[in-house]
Amino acid sequence: MTSDGPVLPAVVRRAEEAERIGHGAEQLSYLLEPDETGGGLALIERVVAPNFATPPQFHAHPGHDWLAYMLDGTLRVKLEDRVVELPRGGSAFVPRGTFFRWSNPRNAPARGLFFYTPGDFVGYFREVVYLARRRAERVHDYDETLGDILKAQDRYGLVRRPLDRLVLEA
């Protein structure tokens, strides 16, 4: 804050004013964008498709912290040494550099709030949804999209563990 007031303007947004993107059952609402927070964070409400799983390699965000809060359904978070189920009301904080995967293990959609700090990572989802619309019937059709998704991960600074070091169950 300066003597003239806050450095950034306050952001107040109703849910219906958020940018919405998606493909099939996978839907994202951009509630706070990094350019609105001085780059400090971004907030997405995400409807996670039934049986969705992140790509098969454990990944880490060396430059970003990841936070999730479940509004509905269940999210399964796999850390290197444990698996945790997050039902409605559950939360997770995965600090930058921690290898993990996550999934919706149920046959019903899950819905959560996902925070990224700093917020610049959220452009990744626009790319993934775009490429899925071009190449596949659903976002997580990795037979069609995995190569492009891995390239997008590289552009956004994610690092992956080699597949031979993993147990691949979702």
Protein backbone atom coordinates (compact mmCIF):
# COMPACT_ATOMS: atom_id res chain seq x y z
CA MET A 1 0.00 0.00 0.00
CA THR A 2 1.16 3.49 -0.78
CA SER A 3 0.07 6.68 0.95
CA ASP A 4 -2.39 7.07 -1.95
CA GLY A 5 -3.98 3.61 -1.44
CA PRO A 6 -3.43 0.02 -2.57
CA VAL A 7 -0.89 -0.76 -5.27
CA LEU A 8 -3.39 -3.01 -7.09
CA PRO A 9 -7.09 -2.38 -7.56
CA ALA A 10 -9.47 -4.70 -5.74
CA VAL A 11 -11.12 -7.38 -7.89
CA VAL A 12 -14.70 -8.40 -7.25
CA ARG A 13 -16.23 -10.87 -9.70
CA ARG A 14 -19.47 -12.79 -9.69
CA ALA A 15 -19.21 -16.41 -10.84
CA GLU A 16 -21.13 -15.70 -14.05
CA GLU A 17 -18.56 -13.03 -14.99
CA ALA A 18 -15.62 -15.45 -15.01
CA GLU A 19 -14.09 -16.62 -18.26
CA ARG A 20 -15.18 -20.22 -18.83
CA ILE A 21 -13.34 -22.75 -20.96
CA GLY A 22 -13.68 -26.46 -21.28
CA HIS A 23 -14.07 -29.54 -23.37
CA GLY A 24 -16.63 -32.20 -22.59
CA ALA A 25 -17.14 -32.71 -18.86
CA GLU A 26 -13.93 -30.80 -18.03
CA GLN A 27 -14.82 -27.15 -17.32
CA LEU A 28 -12.71 -24.30 -15.90
CA SER A 29 -13.78 -20.87 -14.67
CA TYR A 30 -11.04 -18.26 -14.30
CA LEU A 31 -12.06 -16.49 -11.08
CA LEU A 32 -8.84 -14.49 -10.57
CA GLU A 33 -6.29 -13.93 -13.30
CA PRO A 34 -2.59 -13.27 -12.68
CA ASP A 35 -2.77 -9.85 -14.36
CA GLU A 36 -5.39 -8.87 -11.74
CA THR A 37 -3.21 -9.92 -8.79
CA GLY A 38 0.12 -8.48 -9.87
CA GLY A 39 1.04 -12.01 -10.96
CA GLY A 40 0.94 -13.22 -7.37
CA LEU A 41 -1.80 -15.81 -7.77
CA ALA A 42 -4.56 -17.19 -9.93
CA LEU A 43 -7.77 -18.94 -8.89
CA ILE A 44 -9.70 -21.41 -11.02
CA GLU A 45 -12.91 -23.25 -10.24
CA ARG A 46 -12.64 -26.54 -12.05
CA VAL A 47 -15.17 -29.23 -12.79
CA VAL A 48 -13.04 -32.34 -13.07
CA ALA A 49 -14.43 -34.96 -15.42
CA PRO A 50 -15.29 -38.41 -14.06
CA ASN A 51 -12.25 -40.74 -14.04
CA PHE A 52 -9.87 -37.91 -15.02
CA ALA A 53 -6.18 -38.38 -14.24
CA THR A 54 -3.25 -36.09 -14.93
CA PRO A 55 -0.70 -37.44 -17.45
CA PRO A 56 1.00 -40.65 -16.32
CA GLN A 57 4.29 -39.16 -15.11
CA PHE A 58 4.56 -37.65 -11.66
CA HIS A 59 5.21 -33.95 -12.20
CA ALA A 60 6.43 -31.00 -10.17
CA HIS A 61 5.98 -27.26 -10.53
CA PRO A 62 9.44 -25.88 -9.62
CA GLY A 63 8.19 -22.31 -9.87
CA HIS A 64 4.63 -22.63 -8.53
CA ASP A 65 2.77 -23.69 -5.41
CA TRP A 66 -0.48 -25.61 -6.01
CA LEU A 67 -3.45 -25.50 -3.67
CA ALA A 68 -6.80 -27.26 -3.98
CA TYR A 69 -10.03 -27.04 -2.02
CA MET A 70 -12.81 -29.49 -2.87
CA LEU A 71 -16.34 -28.14 -3.23
CA ASP A 72 -17.95 -31.39 -4.44
CA GLY A 73 -16.81 -34.91 -5.20
CA THR A 74 -13.41 -36.41 -4.44
CA LEU A 75 -9.92 -35.68 -5.62
CA ARG A 76 -7.13 -38.24 -5.16
CA VAL A 77 -3.69 -36.70 -4.66
CA LYS A 78 -0.66 -38.95 -5.05
CA LEU A 79 2.49 -37.64 -3.50
CA GLU A 80 5.75 -39.50 -3.76
CA ASP A 81 5.17 -41.51 -0.59
CA ARG A 82 1.40 -41.48 -0.05
CA VAL A 83 -2.06 -41.29 -1.57
CA VAL A 84 -4.69 -39.02 -0.02
CA GLU A 85 -8.39 -38.82 -0.88
CA LEU A 86 -9.84 -35.31 -0.61
CA PRO A 87 -13.63 -35.36 -0.26
CA ARG A 88 -15.83 -32.27 -0.18
CA GLY A 89 -14.23 -29.77 2.20
CA GLY A 90 -10.76 -31.33 1.87
CA SER A 91 -7.75 -29.27 0.91
CA ALA A 92 -4.20 -29.81 -0.27
CA PHE A 93 -1.09 -27.68 -0.52
CA VAL A 94 1.68 -28.96 -2.77
CA PRO A 95 4.74 -26.70 -2.53
CA ARG A 96 6.85 -25.97 -5.57
CA GLY A 97 9.22 -28.78 -6.46
CA THR A 98 7.09 -31.59 -4.94
CA PHE A 99 6.36 -34.44 -7.35
CA PHE A 100 2.70 -35.45 -7.48
CA ARG A 101 -0.25 -36.57 -9.60
CA TRP A 102 -3.94 -36.15 -9.03
CA SER A 103 -7.15 -37.62 -10.32
CA ASN A 104 -10.89 -37.86 -9.93
CA PRO A 105 -11.28 -41.57 -9.18
CA ARG A 106 -15.09 -41.53 -9.27
CA ASN A 107 -17.68 -41.99 -12.02
CA ALA A 108 -19.11 -38.55 -11.21
CA PRO A 109 -17.66 -35.08 -11.72
CA ALA A 110 -15.74 -33.39 -8.92
CA ARG A 111 -15.54 -29.64 -8.42
CA GLY A 112 -12.81 -27.69 -6.68
CA LEU A 113 -11.01 -24.41 -6.32
CA PHE A 114 -7.42 -24.51 -7.56
CA PHE A 115 -4.94 -21.80 -6.61
CA TYR A 116 -1.58 -21.25 -8.30
CA THR A 117 1.06 -18.94 -6.94
CA PRO A 118 2.53 -17.21 -8.77
CA GLY A 119 -0.43 -17.15 -11.11
CA ASP A 120 1.21 -17.35 -14.52
CA PHE A 121 0.75 -21.14 -14.76
CA VAL A 122 -2.97 -20.93 -15.59
CA GLY A 123 -2.30 -20.20 -19.27
CA TYR A 124 -1.34 -23.88 -19.49
CA PHE A 125 -5.00 -24.90 -19.19
CA ARG A 126 -6.02 -22.70 -22.10
CA GLU A 127 -3.45 -24.52 -24.22
CA VAL A 128 -4.53 -27.98 -23.08
CA VAL A 129 -8.22 -27.30 -23.70
CA TYR A 130 -7.43 -25.83 -27.12
CA LEU A 131 -5.35 -28.81 -28.21
CA ALA A 132 -7.91 -31.28 -26.87
CA ARG A 133 -10.68 -29.58 -28.85
CA ARG A 134 -8.56 -29.95 -31.98
CA ARG A 135 -7.47 -33.54 -31.46
CA ALA A 136 -9.68 -35.51 -29.09
CA GLU A 137 -13.18 -36.07 -27.77
CA ARG A 138 -12.12 -35.32 -24.20
CA VAL A 139 -9.32 -33.44 -22.46
CA HIS A 140 -7.70 -36.55 -21.01
CA ASP A 141 -7.62 -38.66 -24.20
CA TYR A 142 -3.88 -39.15 -23.85
CA ASP A 143 -3.68 -41.45 -26.88
CA GLU A 144 -4.40 -38.32 -28.93
CA THR A 145 -3.03 -35.47 -26.80
CA LEU A 146 -0.17 -36.61 -24.55
CA GLY A 147 2.66 -35.49 -26.85
CA ASP A 148 1.21 -31.98 -27.13
CA ILE A 149 0.46 -31.83 -23.40
CA LEU A 150 4.06 -32.74 -22.55
CA LYS A 151 5.29 -29.93 -24.82
CA ALA A 152 2.93 -27.50 -23.05
CA GLN A 153 4.23 -28.74 -19.68
CA ASP A 154 7.75 -27.97 -20.84
CA ARG A 155 6.75 -24.44 -21.90
CA TYR A 156 5.23 -23.83 -18.45
CA GLY A 157 8.24 -25.18 -16.55
CA LEU A 158 6.84 -28.47 -15.25
CA VAL A 159 9.32 -31.28 -14.69
CA ARG A 160 8.46 -34.97 -14.88
CA ARG A 161 9.78 -38.19 -13.40
CA PRO A 162 10.68 -40.91 -15.90
CA LEU A 163 7.94 -43.49 -16.38
CA ASP A 164 10.18 -46.39 -15.35
CA ARG A 165 10.32 -44.99 -11.77
CA LEU A 166 6.54 -44.97 -11.32
CA VAL A 167 3.60 -47.03 -10.38
CA LEU A 168 1.14 -45.93 -13.07
CA GLU A 169 -2.21 -46.63 -11.46
CA ALA A 170 -4.35 -43.49 -11.46
